[in-house]
Amino acid sequence: MSIEQWWPKLRPSTREWLIENNGDAVPAEIVAEVTAAGGTITSDAWWVGQSGPSGFYISDDAADWIEAIANGEDPETPSESR
């Protein structure tokens, strides 16, 4: 499921955290909420970035999408297969 589908299912406080900390490592509890909302974390999902010792990161495209939402814009969704 793509970000525009699971985003509205997140708690407002979670969406606020993602907006305010856009580009930062995403805490495990937020990753769990995204997954519960339908955001399956797979390598072919456009919104999935890197995952490593410092945590999970959303992709640059997803960071741009979140920034557009924060600015009240209607962002274009990149293709699922990149």
N, C-alpha and C. Protein backbone atom coordinates (compact mmCIF):
# COMPACT_ATOMS: atom_id res chain seq x y z
N MET A 1 0.85 -1.17 0.00
CA MET A 1 0.00 0.00 0.00
C MET A 1 0.90 1.24 0.00
N SER A 2 0.51 2.20 -0.78
CA SER A 2 1.32 3.40 -0.93
C SER A 2 0.99 4.44 0.14
N ILE A 3 1.88 5.40 0.30
CA ILE A 3 1.78 6.38 1.38
C ILE A 3 0.46 7.15 1.37
N GLU A 4 -0.05 7.50 0.20
CA GLU A 4 -1.29 8.26 0.17
C GLU A 4 -2.48 7.44 0.67
N GLN A 5 -2.34 6.12 0.72
CA GLN A 5 -3.40 5.25 1.23
C GLN A 5 -3.30 5.05 2.74
N TRP A 6 -2.08 4.89 3.26
CA TRP A 6 -1.96 4.65 4.70
C TRP A 6 -1.83 5.95 5.51
N TRP A 7 -1.40 7.02 4.91
CA TRP A 7 -1.21 8.30 5.61
C TRP A 7 -2.45 8.73 6.40
N PRO A 8 -3.66 8.73 5.78
CA PRO A 8 -4.83 9.17 6.53
C PRO A 8 -5.22 8.24 7.69
N LYS A 9 -4.71 7.04 7.71
CA LYS A 9 -5.03 6.07 8.76
C LYS A 9 -4.15 6.25 10.01
N LEU A 10 -3.12 7.07 9.89
CA LEU A 10 -2.23 7.32 11.04
C LEU A 10 -2.89 8.29 12.01
N ARG A 11 -2.50 8.18 13.26
CA ARG A 11 -2.97 9.14 14.26
C ARG A 11 -2.47 10.53 13.88
N PRO A 12 -3.22 11.57 14.16
CA PRO A 12 -2.76 12.93 13.86
C PRO A 12 -1.38 13.23 14.47
N SER A 13 -1.13 12.74 15.67
CA SER A 13 0.17 12.99 16.31
C SER A 13 1.30 12.31 15.56
N THR A 14 1.03 11.18 14.95
CA THR A 14 2.05 10.48 14.16
C THR A 14 2.33 11.24 12.88
N ARG A 15 1.27 11.69 12.21
CA ARG A 15 1.47 12.48 10.99
C ARG A 15 2.25 13.75 11.32
N GLU A 16 1.93 14.38 12.46
CA GLU A 16 2.63 15.59 12.89
C GLU A 16 4.12 15.30 13.12
N TRP A 17 4.42 14.18 13.77
CA TRP A 17 5.81 13.82 14.01
C TRP A 17 6.54 13.63 12.69
N LEU A 18 5.91 12.94 11.75
CA LEU A 18 6.55 12.69 10.45
C LEU A 18 6.79 14.00 9.70
N ILE A 19 5.88 14.94 9.83
CA ILE A 19 6.06 16.25 9.19
C ILE A 19 7.19 17.02 9.86
N GLU A 20 7.17 17.08 11.18
CA GLU A 20 8.17 17.86 11.92
C GLU A 20 9.56 17.25 11.88
N ASN A 21 9.65 15.94 11.69
CA ASN A 21 10.94 15.25 11.70
C ASN A 21 11.24 14.63 10.35
N ASN A 22 10.71 15.24 9.30
CA ASN A 22 10.84 14.73 7.95
C ASN A 22 12.32 14.55 7.58
N GLY A 23 12.67 13.33 7.21
CA GLY A 23 14.05 13.03 6.85
C GLY A 23 14.85 12.37 7.97
N ASP A 24 14.32 12.41 9.20
CA ASP A 24 14.99 11.78 10.33
C ASP A 24 14.68 10.28 10.37
N ALA A 25 15.45 9.56 11.15
CA ALA A 25 15.16 8.14 11.38
C ALA A 25 13.78 8.03 12.02
N VAL A 26 13.00 7.08 11.55
CA VAL A 26 11.63 6.89 12.05
C VAL A 26 11.67 5.91 13.21
N PRO A 27 11.16 6.31 14.38
CA PRO A 27 11.17 5.43 15.55
C PRO A 27 10.37 4.14 15.29
N ALA A 28 10.76 3.08 15.97
CA ALA A 28 10.14 1.77 15.79
C ALA A 28 8.63 1.81 16.01
N GLU A 29 8.16 2.59 16.99
CA GLU A 29 6.71 2.63 17.25
C GLU A 29 5.94 3.27 16.10
N ILE A 30 6.56 4.21 15.41
CA ILE A 30 5.91 4.82 14.24
C ILE A 30 5.96 3.87 13.06
N VAL A 31 7.07 3.17 12.89
CA VAL A 31 7.15 2.15 11.84
C VAL A 31 6.06 1.11 12.07
N ALA A 32 5.84 0.72 13.32
CA ALA A 32 4.80 -0.27 13.64
C ALA A 32 3.42 0.28 13.31
N GLU A 33 3.17 1.55 13.58
CA GLU A 33 1.87 2.15 13.26
C GLU A 33 1.65 2.22 11.75
N VAL A 34 2.69 2.59 11.02
CA VAL A 34 2.60 2.63 9.55
C VAL A 34 2.28 1.24 9.01
N THR A 35 2.96 0.25 9.52
CA THR A 35 2.72 -1.13 9.09
C THR A 35 1.29 -1.56 9.42
N ALA A 36 0.81 -1.22 10.60
CA ALA A 36 -0.56 -1.57 10.99
C ALA A 36 -1.59 -0.86 10.12
N ALA A 37 -1.24 0.32 9.60
CA ALA A 37 -2.14 1.08 8.74
C ALA A 37 -2.12 0.57 7.30
N GLY A 38 -1.25 -0.38 7.02
CA GLY A 38 -1.19 -0.96 5.67
C GLY A 38 0.07 -0.63 4.90
N GLY A 39 0.99 0.09 5.51
CA GLY A 39 2.23 0.47 4.84
C GLY A 39 3.25 -0.64 4.90
N THR A 40 3.10 -1.63 4.06
CA THR A 40 4.04 -2.75 4.04
C THR A 40 5.40 -2.26 3.58
N ILE A 41 6.40 -2.53 4.39
CA ILE A 41 7.75 -2.05 4.10
C ILE A 41 8.47 -3.08 3.25
N THR A 42 8.45 -2.81 1.94
CA THR A 42 9.13 -3.67 0.97
C THR A 42 10.11 -2.82 0.18
N SER A 43 11.11 -3.47 -0.36
CA SER A 43 12.15 -2.74 -1.09
C SER A 43 11.63 -2.08 -2.36
N ASP A 44 10.50 -2.55 -2.89
CA ASP A 44 9.99 -1.95 -4.13
C ASP A 44 8.96 -0.85 -3.88
N ALA A 45 8.63 -0.56 -2.63
CA ALA A 45 7.71 0.54 -2.33
C ALA A 45 8.46 1.86 -2.46
N TRP A 46 7.93 2.79 -3.23
CA TRP A 46 8.64 4.03 -3.52
C TRP A 46 8.91 4.86 -2.28
N TRP A 47 8.11 4.71 -1.25
CA TRP A 47 8.26 5.54 -0.06
C TRP A 47 9.27 4.97 0.95
N VAL A 48 9.75 3.76 0.69
CA VAL A 48 10.71 3.12 1.59
C VAL A 48 12.12 3.55 1.23
N GLY A 49 12.84 4.03 2.23
CA GLY A 49 14.22 4.44 2.03
C GLY A 49 15.17 3.39 2.59
N GLN A 50 16.17 3.85 3.30
CA GLN A 50 17.19 2.97 3.86
C GLN A 50 16.82 2.50 5.26
N SER A 51 17.33 1.36 5.60
CA SER A 51 17.18 0.84 6.95
C SER A 51 18.55 0.32 7.37
N GLY A 52 18.96 0.70 8.55
CA GLY A 52 20.28 0.29 9.01
C GLY A 52 20.42 0.45 10.50
N PRO A 53 21.65 0.51 10.97
CA PRO A 53 21.90 0.58 12.41
C PRO A 53 21.26 1.80 13.09
N SER A 54 21.14 2.89 12.35
CA SER A 54 20.56 4.10 12.96
C SER A 54 19.04 4.15 12.81
N GLY A 55 18.44 3.15 12.15
CA GLY A 55 16.99 3.09 12.06
C GLY A 55 16.47 3.03 10.64
N PHE A 56 15.16 3.23 10.52
CA PHE A 56 14.47 3.20 9.24
C PHE A 56 14.28 4.62 8.75
N TYR A 57 14.49 4.83 7.47
CA TYR A 57 14.29 6.14 6.84
C TYR A 57 13.33 6.00 5.67
N ILE A 58 12.50 7.02 5.49
CA ILE A 58 11.67 7.05 4.30
C ILE A 58 12.52 7.54 3.13
N SER A 59 12.06 7.33 1.92
CA SER A 59 12.81 7.75 0.74
C SER A 59 12.78 9.27 0.59
N ASP A 60 13.66 9.79 -0.26
CA ASP A 60 13.67 11.22 -0.54
C ASP A 60 12.35 11.64 -1.18
N ASP A 61 11.81 10.79 -2.06
CA ASP A 61 10.53 11.10 -2.70
C ASP A 61 9.42 11.18 -1.65
N ALA A 62 9.44 10.29 -0.67
CA ALA A 62 8.43 10.31 0.38
C ALA A 62 8.60 11.56 1.25
N ALA A 63 9.83 11.95 1.52
CA ALA A 63 10.07 13.17 2.28
C ALA A 63 9.50 14.38 1.53
N ASP A 64 9.68 14.40 0.21
CA ASP A 64 9.12 15.48 -0.61
C ASP A 64 7.59 15.45 -0.56
N TRP A 65 7.01 14.23 -0.60
CA TRP A 65 5.55 14.07 -0.56
C TRP A 65 5.02 14.62 0.77
N ILE A 66 5.67 14.26 1.87
CA ILE A 66 5.24 14.72 3.20
C ILE A 66 5.38 16.24 3.30
N GLU A 67 6.45 16.79 2.76
CA GLU A 67 6.64 18.23 2.79
C GLU A 67 5.52 18.93 2.02
N ALA A 68 5.14 18.37 0.87
CA ALA A 68 4.04 18.95 0.09
C ALA A 68 2.73 18.91 0.88
N ILE A 69 2.46 17.80 1.55
CA ILE A 69 1.26 17.68 2.39
C ILE A 69 1.30 18.74 3.49
N ALA A 70 2.46 18.91 4.11
CA ALA A 70 2.60 19.90 5.18
C ALA A 70 2.35 21.32 4.68
N ASN A 71 2.64 21.56 3.40
CA ASN A 71 2.45 22.87 2.80
C ASN A 71 1.05 23.05 2.21
N GLY A 72 0.17 22.06 2.44
CA GLY A 72 -1.19 22.15 1.95
C GLY A 72 -1.33 21.88 0.46
N GLU A 73 -0.32 21.27 -0.13
CA GLU A 73 -0.34 20.97 -1.55
C GLU A 73 -0.93 19.58 -1.79
N ASP A 74 -1.23 19.28 -3.04
CA ASP A 74 -1.72 17.96 -3.46
C ASP A 74 -0.58 17.30 -4.24
N PRO A 75 0.29 16.57 -3.53
CA PRO A 75 1.49 16.05 -4.18
C PRO A 75 1.19 14.92 -5.17
N GLU A 76 2.04 14.87 -6.18
CA GLU A 76 1.97 13.76 -7.14
C GLU A 76 2.65 12.56 -6.51
N THR A 77 2.08 11.39 -6.71
CA THR A 77 2.64 10.17 -6.17
C THR A 77 3.55 9.52 -7.19
N PRO A 78 4.82 9.30 -6.86
CA PRO A 78 5.70 8.60 -7.78
C PRO A 78 5.22 7.18 -8.07
N SER A 79 5.72 6.62 -9.13
CA SER A 79 5.37 5.25 -9.51
C SER A 79 5.83 4.28 -8.45
N GLU A 80 5.03 3.24 -8.21
CA GLU A 80 5.39 2.19 -7.22
C GLU A 80 6.65 1.43 -7.61
N SER A 81 6.89 1.26 -8.88
CA SER A 81 8.08 0.50 -9.30
C SER A 81 9.11 1.46 -9.85
N ARG A 82 10.16 1.62 -9.11
CA ARG A 82 11.24 2.54 -9.50
C ARG A 82 12.47 1.77 -9.79
